[in-house]
Amino acid sequence: MSIGNAMKFIKKVDSDAAFRKSLYKVQGFEGLTKFCEENDLDYTPGEFEEAITHMHSECQFSEDADKLFNVVNLVKLVVNATK
């Protein structure tokens, strides 16, 4: 598990439509954990938050930050949709 995996996951959700579409089928946190493990991108919730903070600090424009948080909110929505 690593912050690097969390960053790769966020970037892949943003850039890979097929990957993002498969993410929509995930149900809950356990489903997300399994999905990430199957894609060799496992990370902890703390590492996910640290990756967000790191990636946000690298955003040079507000549009970049908006794009990042849109992806993050999508992931959180998918995870929380089954609660």
Foldseek 3Di string as FASTA:
>chain_A
DALVLLLVVLVCCLPPPVLVVVLLPAEAPVSVQVSCVVVVRHDDPVSNVVNLVVQCVVDPDVVSNVSSVVSVVSNVCSNPVND
